[in-house]
């Protein structure tokens, strides 16, 4: 069983017992923590301390609007840096809307893992551009999850990265 299968099974069980409660938050926090261990162990990257904030749509929108960076496509996860304070915010409601009829739990796990790995790499390697990190994320995501990410997903993610980079001049700017 691959890692994506294990996480998808855990998500399926979580959603069947408590679809809107603390169990979802716990699931997201555990998957992000597991991604962090992978990034640090397998990629030998040091991820600085950060707070993980799990948001609903309204909280995420307020945070998104408070940042100087603009996005052509709304992300699922956001990095926020204010001095030495680092936050990674995840829109849990937006993430759960990604559930599709075909492999619904796998879709959520794939998107969450890729978003988490992306923000963790950005935190560990702030000198890298968004495009450079995106190239690393696909490879790391495949190794972490134990699957090959479909070409159409990689192409869609590359398009989103390019559009977001163009709309913000390719820079991750501190927000405070």
N, C-alpha and C. Protein backbone atom coordinates (compact mmCIF):
# COMPACT_ATOMS: atom_id res chain seq x y z
N UNK A 1 0.85 -1.18 0.00
CA UNK A 1 0.00 0.00 0.00
C UNK A 1 0.89 1.24 0.00
N UNK A 2 0.61 2.18 -0.89
CA UNK A 2 1.40 3.40 -0.98
C UNK A 2 0.98 4.39 0.12
N UNK A 3 1.81 5.38 0.32
CA UNK A 3 1.52 6.39 1.34
C UNK A 3 0.22 7.13 0.99
N UNK A 4 -0.01 7.41 -0.29
CA UNK A 4 -1.25 8.11 -0.66
C UNK A 4 -2.46 7.23 -0.33
N UNK A 5 -2.34 5.92 -0.52
CA UNK A 5 -3.44 5.01 -0.18
C UNK A 5 -3.71 5.02 1.32
N UNK A 6 -2.64 5.02 2.11
CA UNK A 6 -2.80 5.03 3.57
C UNK A 6 -3.49 6.30 4.04
N UNK A 7 -3.01 7.46 3.53
CA UNK A 7 -3.62 8.74 3.93
C UNK A 7 -5.06 8.86 3.41
N UNK A 8 -5.31 8.38 2.20
CA UNK A 8 -6.67 8.44 1.65
C UNK A 8 -7.63 7.59 2.47
N UNK A 9 -7.16 6.44 2.91
CA UNK A 9 -8.00 5.58 3.75
C UNK A 9 -8.29 6.26 5.09
N UNK A 10 -7.27 6.90 5.67
CA UNK A 10 -7.48 7.63 6.93
C UNK A 10 -8.48 8.77 6.73
N UNK A 11 -8.37 9.48 5.61
CA UNK A 11 -9.30 10.57 5.34
C UNK A 11 -10.72 10.04 5.17
N UNK A 12 -10.87 8.96 4.44
CA UNK A 12 -12.20 8.37 4.24
C UNK A 12 -12.84 8.03 5.58
N UNK A 13 -12.06 7.40 6.46
CA UNK A 13 -12.59 7.06 7.79
C UNK A 13 -12.91 8.30 8.61
N UNK A 14 -12.06 9.31 8.52
CA UNK A 14 -12.27 10.56 9.25
C UNK A 14 -13.55 11.24 8.79
N UNK A 15 -13.73 11.33 7.48
CA UNK A 15 -14.92 12.00 6.95
C UNK A 15 -16.20 11.22 7.27
N UNK A 16 -16.09 9.91 7.39
CA UNK A 16 -17.29 9.12 7.69
C UNK A 16 -17.71 9.22 9.15
N UNK A 17 -16.77 9.57 10.04
CA UNK A 17 -17.10 9.65 11.46
C UNK A 17 -17.36 11.06 11.95
N UNK A 18 -16.63 12.04 11.42
CA UNK A 18 -16.77 13.41 11.91
C UNK A 18 -16.36 14.37 10.78
N UNK A 19 -17.22 14.57 9.78
CA UNK A 19 -16.81 15.29 8.58
C UNK A 19 -16.53 16.78 8.75
N UNK A 20 -16.91 17.38 9.84
CA UNK A 20 -16.68 18.82 9.95
C UNK A 20 -16.03 19.22 11.27
N UNK A 21 -15.50 18.28 11.98
CA UNK A 21 -15.00 18.59 13.31
C UNK A 21 -13.51 18.58 13.46
N UNK A 22 -13.10 18.40 14.70
CA UNK A 22 -11.69 18.40 15.06
C UNK A 22 -10.91 17.28 14.39
N UNK A 23 -11.59 16.21 14.01
CA UNK A 23 -10.89 15.09 13.38
C UNK A 23 -10.28 15.49 12.04
N UNK A 24 -10.96 16.35 11.29
CA UNK A 24 -10.42 16.83 10.01
C UNK A 24 -9.17 17.67 10.27
N UNK A 25 -9.27 18.57 11.25
CA UNK A 25 -8.10 19.39 11.61
C UNK A 25 -6.92 18.52 12.02
N UNK A 26 -7.18 17.51 12.81
CA UNK A 26 -6.12 16.60 13.25
C UNK A 26 -5.50 15.89 12.05
N UNK A 27 -6.35 15.43 11.14
CA UNK A 27 -5.87 14.76 9.93
C UNK A 27 -4.93 15.69 9.14
N UNK A 28 -5.36 16.93 8.91
CA UNK A 28 -4.55 17.88 8.15
C UNK A 28 -3.23 18.14 8.86
N UNK A 29 -3.28 18.38 10.17
CA UNK A 29 -2.05 18.64 10.94
C UNK A 29 -1.09 17.46 10.88
N UNK A 30 -1.62 16.24 10.97
CA UNK A 30 -0.76 15.06 10.93
C UNK A 30 -0.13 14.87 9.56
N UNK A 31 -0.90 15.12 8.50
CA UNK A 31 -0.33 14.97 7.16
C UNK A 31 0.74 16.03 6.91
N UNK A 32 0.50 17.27 7.32
CA UNK A 32 1.51 18.32 7.16
C UNK A 32 2.77 17.98 7.97
N UNK A 33 2.60 17.49 9.18
CA UNK A 33 3.75 17.11 10.01
C UNK A 33 4.54 15.98 9.34
N UNK A 34 3.84 15.03 8.75
CA UNK A 34 4.51 13.93 8.06
C UNK A 34 5.27 14.44 6.83
N UNK A 35 4.67 15.38 6.11
CA UNK A 35 5.36 16.00 4.97
C UNK A 35 6.61 16.73 5.45
N UNK A 36 6.51 17.41 6.58
CA UNK A 36 7.69 18.11 7.11
C UNK A 36 8.80 17.13 7.44
N UNK A 37 8.47 16.02 8.06
CA UNK A 37 9.50 15.01 8.37
C UNK A 37 10.16 14.52 7.09
N UNK A 38 9.34 14.29 6.06
CA UNK A 38 9.88 13.83 4.78
C UNK A 38 10.82 14.87 4.18
N UNK A 39 10.39 16.13 4.14
CA UNK A 39 11.21 17.20 3.56
C UNK A 39 12.53 17.33 4.31
N UNK A 40 12.47 17.25 5.62
CA UNK A 40 13.69 17.40 6.42
C UNK A 40 14.60 16.18 6.30
N UNK A 41 14.02 14.99 6.34
CA UNK A 41 14.81 13.76 6.32
C UNK A 41 15.30 13.42 4.91
N UNK A 42 14.40 13.39 3.96
CA UNK A 42 14.74 12.92 2.61
C UNK A 42 15.42 14.00 1.77
N UNK A 43 15.10 15.25 2.00
CA UNK A 43 15.67 16.33 1.21
C UNK A 43 16.75 17.09 1.96
N UNK A 44 16.93 16.73 3.22
CA UNK A 44 17.94 17.36 4.06
C UNK A 44 17.77 18.88 4.12
N UNK A 45 16.51 19.31 4.21
CA UNK A 45 16.19 20.73 4.33
C UNK A 45 15.77 21.01 5.76
N UNK A 46 16.19 22.14 6.27
CA UNK A 46 15.80 22.56 7.62
C UNK A 46 14.63 23.52 7.49
N UNK A 47 13.48 23.10 7.95
CA UNK A 47 12.28 23.94 7.91
C UNK A 47 12.25 24.74 9.21
N UNK A 48 12.21 26.07 9.11
CA UNK A 48 12.17 26.88 10.33
C UNK A 48 10.84 26.68 11.07
N UNK A 49 10.83 27.04 12.33
CA UNK A 49 9.59 26.95 13.10
C UNK A 49 8.50 27.78 12.44
N UNK A 50 7.30 27.26 12.46
CA UNK A 50 6.16 27.97 11.89
C UNK A 50 4.90 27.56 12.64
N UNK A 51 3.90 28.40 12.51
CA UNK A 51 2.57 28.06 13.03
C UNK A 51 1.74 27.57 11.87
N UNK A 52 0.97 26.54 12.08
CA UNK A 52 0.05 26.03 11.07
C UNK A 52 -1.34 26.52 11.44
N UNK A 53 -1.95 27.26 10.54
CA UNK A 53 -3.29 27.80 10.78
C UNK A 53 -4.26 27.14 9.81
N UNK A 54 -5.27 26.47 10.35
CA UNK A 54 -6.29 25.84 9.53
C UNK A 54 -7.48 26.77 9.47
N UNK A 55 -7.83 27.19 8.27
CA UNK A 55 -8.81 28.25 8.07
C UNK A 55 -10.08 27.75 7.40
N UNK A 56 -11.18 28.47 7.67
CA UNK A 56 -12.37 28.30 6.86
C UNK A 56 -12.25 29.30 5.70
N UNK A 57 -13.23 29.32 4.81
CA UNK A 57 -13.15 30.20 3.64
C UNK A 57 -12.99 31.67 4.02
N UNK A 58 -13.78 32.14 4.97
CA UNK A 58 -13.75 33.56 5.36
C UNK A 58 -12.40 33.95 5.96
N UNK A 59 -11.88 33.13 6.86
CA UNK A 59 -10.58 33.42 7.47
C UNK A 59 -9.48 33.45 6.40
N UNK A 60 -9.54 32.49 5.50
CA UNK A 60 -8.52 32.41 4.45
C UNK A 60 -8.59 33.62 3.53
N UNK A 61 -9.82 34.04 3.17
CA UNK A 61 -9.99 35.22 2.32
C UNK A 61 -9.44 36.48 2.98
N UNK A 62 -9.72 36.65 4.27
CA UNK A 62 -9.20 37.82 4.98
C UNK A 62 -7.66 37.82 4.99
N UNK A 63 -7.08 36.66 5.24
CA UNK A 63 -5.63 36.54 5.24
C UNK A 63 -5.07 36.82 3.84
N UNK A 64 -5.68 36.27 2.83
CA UNK A 64 -5.24 36.46 1.45
C UNK A 64 -5.28 37.94 1.07
N UNK A 65 -6.33 38.62 1.47
CA UNK A 65 -6.47 40.05 1.14
C UNK A 65 -5.49 40.92 1.92
N UNK A 66 -4.99 40.43 3.04
CA UNK A 66 -4.05 41.22 3.84
C UNK A 66 -2.62 41.17 3.31
N UNK A 67 -2.37 40.29 2.35
CA UNK A 67 -1.01 40.11 1.82
C UNK A 67 -0.75 41.02 0.63
N UNK A 68 0.49 41.47 0.47
CA UNK A 68 0.81 42.31 -0.68
C UNK A 68 0.85 41.53 -1.99
N UNK A 69 1.06 40.24 -1.92
CA UNK A 69 1.12 39.41 -3.12
C UNK A 69 -0.29 39.14 -3.63
N UNK A 70 -0.47 39.18 -4.93
CA UNK A 70 -1.76 38.87 -5.54
C UNK A 70 -1.65 37.56 -6.31
N UNK A 71 -2.73 36.81 -6.32
CA UNK A 71 -2.76 35.50 -6.96
C UNK A 71 -3.80 35.49 -8.08
N UNK A 72 -3.41 34.99 -9.24
CA UNK A 72 -4.36 34.81 -10.33
C UNK A 72 -5.32 33.67 -9.99
N UNK A 73 -4.80 32.65 -9.33
CA UNK A 73 -5.59 31.51 -8.86
C UNK A 73 -5.44 31.44 -7.36
N UNK A 74 -6.56 31.24 -6.68
CA UNK A 74 -6.49 31.18 -5.22
C UNK A 74 -5.81 29.89 -4.78
N UNK A 75 -4.76 30.00 -3.98
CA UNK A 75 -4.08 28.80 -3.50
C UNK A 75 -4.86 28.13 -2.36
N UNK A 76 -4.45 26.92 -2.03
CA UNK A 76 -5.02 26.20 -0.89
C UNK A 76 -4.22 26.50 0.36
N UNK A 77 -2.94 26.81 0.16
CA UNK A 77 -2.06 27.11 1.30
C UNK A 77 -1.32 28.41 1.02
N UNK A 78 -1.05 29.14 2.09
CA UNK A 78 -0.36 30.43 2.00
C UNK A 78 0.77 30.49 3.00
N UNK A 79 1.91 31.03 2.59
CA UNK A 79 2.95 31.33 3.56
C UNK A 79 2.80 32.79 4.00
N UNK A 80 2.97 33.05 5.26
CA UNK A 80 2.92 34.42 5.76
C UNK A 80 4.15 34.62 6.62
N UNK A 81 4.91 35.66 6.31
CA UNK A 81 6.10 35.98 7.09
C UNK A 81 5.97 37.40 7.59
N UNK A 82 6.12 37.56 8.88
CA UNK A 82 6.14 38.88 9.50
C UNK A 82 7.32 38.89 10.45
N UNK A 83 8.44 39.43 9.95
CA UNK A 83 9.67 39.36 10.73
C UNK A 83 10.11 37.92 10.86
N UNK A 84 10.34 37.47 12.08
CA UNK A 84 10.76 36.09 12.29
C UNK A 84 9.56 35.15 12.47
N UNK A 85 8.36 35.71 12.46
CA UNK A 85 7.14 34.91 12.63
C UNK A 85 6.74 34.32 11.28
N UNK A 86 6.57 33.01 11.26
CA UNK A 86 6.14 32.32 10.04
C UNK A 86 4.85 31.56 10.29
N UNK A 87 3.98 31.66 9.32
CA UNK A 87 2.69 30.99 9.39
C UNK A 87 2.45 30.31 8.06
N UNK A 88 1.93 29.10 8.11
CA UNK A 88 1.42 28.46 6.91
C UNK A 88 -0.07 28.27 7.16
N UNK A 89 -0.86 28.90 6.31
CA UNK A 89 -2.32 28.83 6.44
C UNK A 89 -2.86 27.89 5.37
N UNK A 90 -3.79 27.04 5.76
CA UNK A 90 -4.41 26.10 4.83
C UNK A 90 -5.92 26.31 4.87
N UNK A 91 -6.51 26.45 3.69
CA UNK A 91 -7.96 26.59 3.57
C UNK A 91 -8.56 25.18 3.55
N UNK A 92 -8.96 24.71 4.70
CA UNK A 92 -9.47 23.34 4.82
C UNK A 92 -10.78 23.18 4.04
N UNK A 93 -11.65 24.17 4.11
CA UNK A 93 -12.92 24.09 3.36
C UNK A 93 -12.65 24.02 1.86
N UNK A 94 -11.73 24.84 1.38
CA UNK A 94 -11.37 24.80 -0.04
C UNK A 94 -10.75 23.48 -0.43
N UNK A 95 -9.96 22.93 0.45
CA UNK A 95 -9.33 21.63 0.20
C UNK A 95 -10.39 20.54 0.06
N UNK A 96 -11.35 20.54 0.96
CA UNK A 96 -12.38 19.49 0.92
C UNK A 96 -13.29 19.64 -0.30
N UNK A 97 -13.38 20.83 -0.88
CA UNK A 97 -14.16 21.00 -2.10
C UNK A 97 -13.50 20.34 -3.30
N UNK A 98 -12.25 19.95 -3.15
CA UNK A 98 -11.54 19.27 -4.25
C UNK A 98 -11.97 17.82 -4.40
N UNK A 99 -12.78 17.33 -3.49
CA UNK A 99 -13.23 15.94 -3.57
C UNK A 99 -13.98 15.74 -4.89
N UNK A 100 -13.58 14.73 -5.61
CA UNK A 100 -14.21 14.40 -6.89
C UNK A 100 -14.81 13.01 -6.80
N UNK A 101 -15.57 12.64 -7.79
CA UNK A 101 -16.18 11.30 -7.78
C UNK A 101 -15.15 10.20 -8.01
N UNK A 102 -14.10 10.51 -8.76
CA UNK A 102 -13.07 9.51 -9.05
C UNK A 102 -11.93 9.67 -8.05
N UNK A 103 -11.71 8.67 -7.22
CA UNK A 103 -10.66 8.70 -6.19
C UNK A 103 -10.74 9.96 -5.32
N UNK A 104 -11.89 10.23 -4.72
CA UNK A 104 -12.08 11.50 -4.01
C UNK A 104 -11.08 11.74 -2.89
N UNK A 105 -10.77 10.74 -2.12
CA UNK A 105 -9.87 10.93 -0.99
C UNK A 105 -8.43 11.08 -1.45
N UNK A 106 -8.08 10.38 -2.53
CA UNK A 106 -6.74 10.52 -3.10
C UNK A 106 -6.51 11.94 -3.62
N UNK A 107 -7.55 12.54 -4.22
CA UNK A 107 -7.44 13.90 -4.75
C UNK A 107 -7.11 14.89 -3.64
N UNK A 108 -7.80 14.79 -2.51
CA UNK A 108 -7.55 15.68 -1.39
C UNK A 108 -6.15 15.47 -0.83
N UNK A 109 -5.75 14.22 -0.65
CA UNK A 109 -4.43 13.93 -0.10
C UNK A 109 -3.34 14.44 -1.04
N UNK A 110 -3.49 14.21 -2.34
CA UNK A 110 -2.50 14.69 -3.31
C UNK A 110 -2.36 16.21 -3.23
N UNK A 111 -3.48 16.92 -3.26
CA UNK A 111 -3.43 18.38 -3.23
C UNK A 111 -2.88 18.92 -1.92
N UNK A 112 -3.28 18.32 -0.81
CA UNK A 112 -2.77 18.78 0.48
C UNK A 112 -1.27 18.51 0.61
N UNK A 113 -0.84 17.32 0.22
CA UNK A 113 0.58 16.99 0.32
C UNK A 113 1.42 17.91 -0.56
N UNK A 114 0.99 18.15 -1.79
CA UNK A 114 1.74 19.04 -2.67
C UNK A 114 1.78 20.46 -2.13
N UNK A 115 0.65 20.95 -1.62
CA UNK A 115 0.61 22.31 -1.06
C UNK A 115 1.51 22.41 0.17
N UNK A 116 1.46 21.41 1.04
CA UNK A 116 2.29 21.42 2.24
C UNK A 116 3.77 21.37 1.88
N UNK A 117 4.14 20.47 0.99
CA UNK A 117 5.54 20.35 0.59
C UNK A 117 6.01 21.67 -0.03
N UNK A 118 5.19 22.27 -0.87
CA UNK A 118 5.56 23.54 -1.49
C UNK A 118 5.87 24.60 -0.45
N UNK A 119 4.97 24.77 0.52
CA UNK A 119 5.18 25.82 1.53
C UNK A 119 6.35 25.49 2.45
N UNK A 120 6.56 24.22 2.74
CA UNK A 120 7.70 23.82 3.57
C UNK A 120 9.02 24.08 2.86
N UNK A 121 9.08 23.80 1.57
CA UNK A 121 10.29 24.06 0.79
C UNK A 121 10.53 25.57 0.71
N UNK A 122 9.47 26.35 0.49
CA UNK A 122 9.63 27.81 0.46
C UNK A 122 10.17 28.31 1.80
N UNK A 123 9.69 27.76 2.89
CA UNK A 123 10.17 28.18 4.21
C UNK A 123 11.64 27.82 4.40
N UNK A 124 12.02 26.64 3.93
CA UNK A 124 13.40 26.18 4.09
C UNK A 124 14.36 26.83 3.11
N UNK A 125 13.87 27.19 1.93
CA UNK A 125 14.72 27.75 0.87
C UNK A 125 14.08 29.01 0.29
N UNK A 126 14.00 30.08 1.08
CA UNK A 126 13.31 31.29 0.62
C UNK A 126 13.96 31.96 -0.59
N UNK A 127 15.20 31.62 -0.88
CA UNK A 127 15.88 32.23 -2.02
C UNK A 127 15.41 31.67 -3.36
N UNK A 128 14.72 30.54 -3.35
CA UNK A 128 14.26 29.93 -4.59
C UNK A 128 13.01 30.64 -5.11
N UNK A 129 12.89 30.68 -6.43
CA UNK A 129 11.70 31.27 -7.04
C UNK A 129 10.54 30.28 -6.94
N UNK A 130 9.37 30.78 -7.18
CA UNK A 130 8.16 29.94 -7.17
C UNK A 130 8.30 28.83 -8.21
N UNK A 131 8.81 29.16 -9.37
CA UNK A 131 8.98 28.17 -10.45
C UNK A 131 9.99 27.09 -10.06
N UNK A 132 11.10 27.49 -9.44
CA UNK A 132 12.10 26.51 -9.00
C UNK A 132 11.51 25.55 -7.97
N UNK A 133 10.75 26.09 -7.04
CA UNK A 133 10.14 25.24 -6.01
C UNK A 133 9.13 24.29 -6.64
N UNK A 134 8.34 24.79 -7.59
CA UNK A 134 7.34 23.94 -8.23
C UNK A 134 7.97 22.72 -8.87
N UNK A 135 9.12 22.89 -9.51
CA UNK A 135 9.81 21.76 -10.12
C UNK A 135 10.22 20.73 -9.08
N UNK A 136 10.65 21.20 -7.92
CA UNK A 136 11.05 20.30 -6.84
C UNK A 136 9.84 19.59 -6.23
N UNK A 137 8.73 20.31 -6.11
CA UNK A 137 7.56 19.80 -5.42
C UNK A 137 6.99 18.57 -6.11
N UNK A 138 6.91 18.60 -7.43
CA UNK A 138 6.35 17.44 -8.14
C UNK A 138 7.18 16.19 -7.87
N UNK A 139 8.49 16.30 -7.96
CA UNK A 139 9.37 15.16 -7.70
C UNK A 139 9.24 14.69 -6.25
N UNK A 140 9.30 15.64 -5.33
CA UNK A 140 9.19 15.28 -3.91
C UNK A 140 7.82 14.67 -3.60
N UNK A 141 6.77 15.24 -4.18
CA UNK A 141 5.43 14.73 -3.96
C UNK A 141 5.28 13.29 -4.43
N UNK A 142 5.86 13.00 -5.57
CA UNK A 142 5.80 11.62 -6.08
C UNK A 142 6.53 10.66 -5.15
N UNK A 143 7.70 11.07 -4.70
CA UNK A 143 8.44 10.19 -3.80
C UNK A 143 7.75 10.06 -2.45
N UNK A 144 7.20 11.15 -1.94
CA UNK A 144 6.51 11.10 -0.65
C UNK A 144 5.27 10.21 -0.73
N UNK A 145 4.46 10.41 -1.76
CA UNK A 145 3.19 9.69 -1.86
C UNK A 145 3.31 8.29 -2.45
N UNK A 146 4.41 8.03 -3.15
CA UNK A 146 4.60 6.71 -3.76
C UNK A 146 3.80 6.52 -5.02
N UNK A 147 3.53 7.61 -5.74
CA UNK A 147 2.76 7.54 -6.98
C UNK A 147 3.40 8.45 -8.02
N UNK A 148 3.02 8.23 -9.27
CA UNK A 148 3.39 9.15 -10.33
C UNK A 148 2.25 10.14 -10.48
N UNK A 149 2.57 11.40 -10.38
CA UNK A 149 1.55 12.43 -10.54
C UNK A 149 1.22 12.51 -12.03
N UNK A 150 -0.07 12.43 -12.39
CA UNK A 150 -0.43 12.48 -13.81
C UNK A 150 0.08 13.75 -14.49
N UNK A 151 0.49 13.60 -15.75
CA UNK A 151 1.03 14.73 -16.52
C UNK A 151 0.07 15.90 -16.54
N UNK A 152 -1.23 15.63 -16.69
CA UNK A 152 -2.19 16.74 -16.76
C UNK A 152 -2.25 17.52 -15.44
N UNK A 153 -2.02 16.84 -14.32
CA UNK A 153 -1.99 17.53 -13.03
C UNK A 153 -0.73 18.40 -12.94
N UNK A 154 0.41 17.85 -13.36
CA UNK A 154 1.65 18.63 -13.36
C UNK A 154 1.52 19.86 -14.25
N UNK A 155 0.91 19.67 -15.43
CA UNK A 155 0.75 20.79 -16.36
C UNK A 155 -0.19 21.84 -15.78
N UNK A 156 -1.27 21.41 -15.14
CA UNK A 156 -2.22 22.35 -14.52
C UNK A 156 -1.52 23.12 -13.41
N UNK A 157 -0.74 22.44 -12.59
CA UNK A 157 -0.01 23.11 -11.51
C UNK A 157 1.03 24.09 -12.05
N UNK A 158 1.72 23.71 -13.11
CA UNK A 158 2.71 24.60 -13.71
C UNK A 158 2.03 25.85 -14.27
N UNK A 159 0.86 25.67 -14.88
CA UNK A 159 0.10 26.82 -15.40
C UNK A 159 -0.32 27.75 -14.27
N UNK A 160 -0.82 27.18 -13.19
CA UNK A 160 -1.24 27.99 -12.04
C UNK A 160 -0.04 28.74 -11.46
N UNK A 161 1.09 28.05 -11.32
CA UNK A 161 2.30 28.70 -10.79
C UNK A 161 2.71 29.85 -11.69
N UNK A 162 2.71 29.63 -13.00
CA UNK A 162 3.11 30.68 -13.95
C UNK A 162 2.17 31.88 -13.87
N UNK A 163 0.88 31.62 -13.80
CA UNK A 163 -0.10 32.72 -13.70
C UNK A 163 0.06 33.48 -12.39
N UNK A 164 0.22 32.74 -11.29
CA UNK A 164 0.39 33.42 -10.00
C UNK A 164 1.70 34.19 -9.95
N UNK A 165 2.74 33.61 -10.53
CA UNK A 165 4.03 34.29 -10.54
C UNK A 165 3.95 35.58 -11.36
N UNK A 166 3.28 35.52 -12.50
CA UNK A 166 3.13 36.70 -13.34
C UNK A 166 2.30 37.78 -12.63
N UNK A 167 1.29 37.37 -11.89
CA UNK A 167 0.44 38.36 -11.22
C UNK A 167 1.10 38.99 -10.01
N UNK A 168 2.20 38.39 -9.53
CA UNK A 168 2.90 38.96 -8.37
C UNK A 168 4.35 39.29 -8.69
N UNK A 169 4.71 39.30 -9.97
CA UNK A 169 6.09 39.55 -10.40
C UNK A 169 7.05 38.50 -9.90
N UNK A 170 6.54 37.29 -9.55
CA UNK A 170 7.40 36.17 -9.21
C UNK A 170 8.07 36.26 -7.86
N UNK A 171 7.63 37.14 -7.00
CA UNK A 171 8.30 37.28 -5.71
C UNK A 171 7.36 36.92 -4.58
N UNK A 172 7.94 36.27 -3.59
CA UNK A 172 7.24 36.04 -2.34
C UNK A 172 7.67 37.16 -1.43
N UNK A 173 6.75 38.06 -1.17
CA UNK A 173 7.09 39.25 -0.39
C UNK A 173 6.68 39.08 1.05
N UNK A 174 7.53 39.50 1.98
CA UNK A 174 7.09 39.49 3.38
C UNK A 174 5.86 40.36 3.52
N UNK A 175 4.97 39.95 4.39
CA UNK A 175 3.71 40.68 4.51
C UNK A 175 3.68 41.63 5.68
N UNK A 176 4.78 41.94 6.26
CA UNK A 176 4.72 42.88 7.36
C UNK A 176 5.99 43.49 7.73
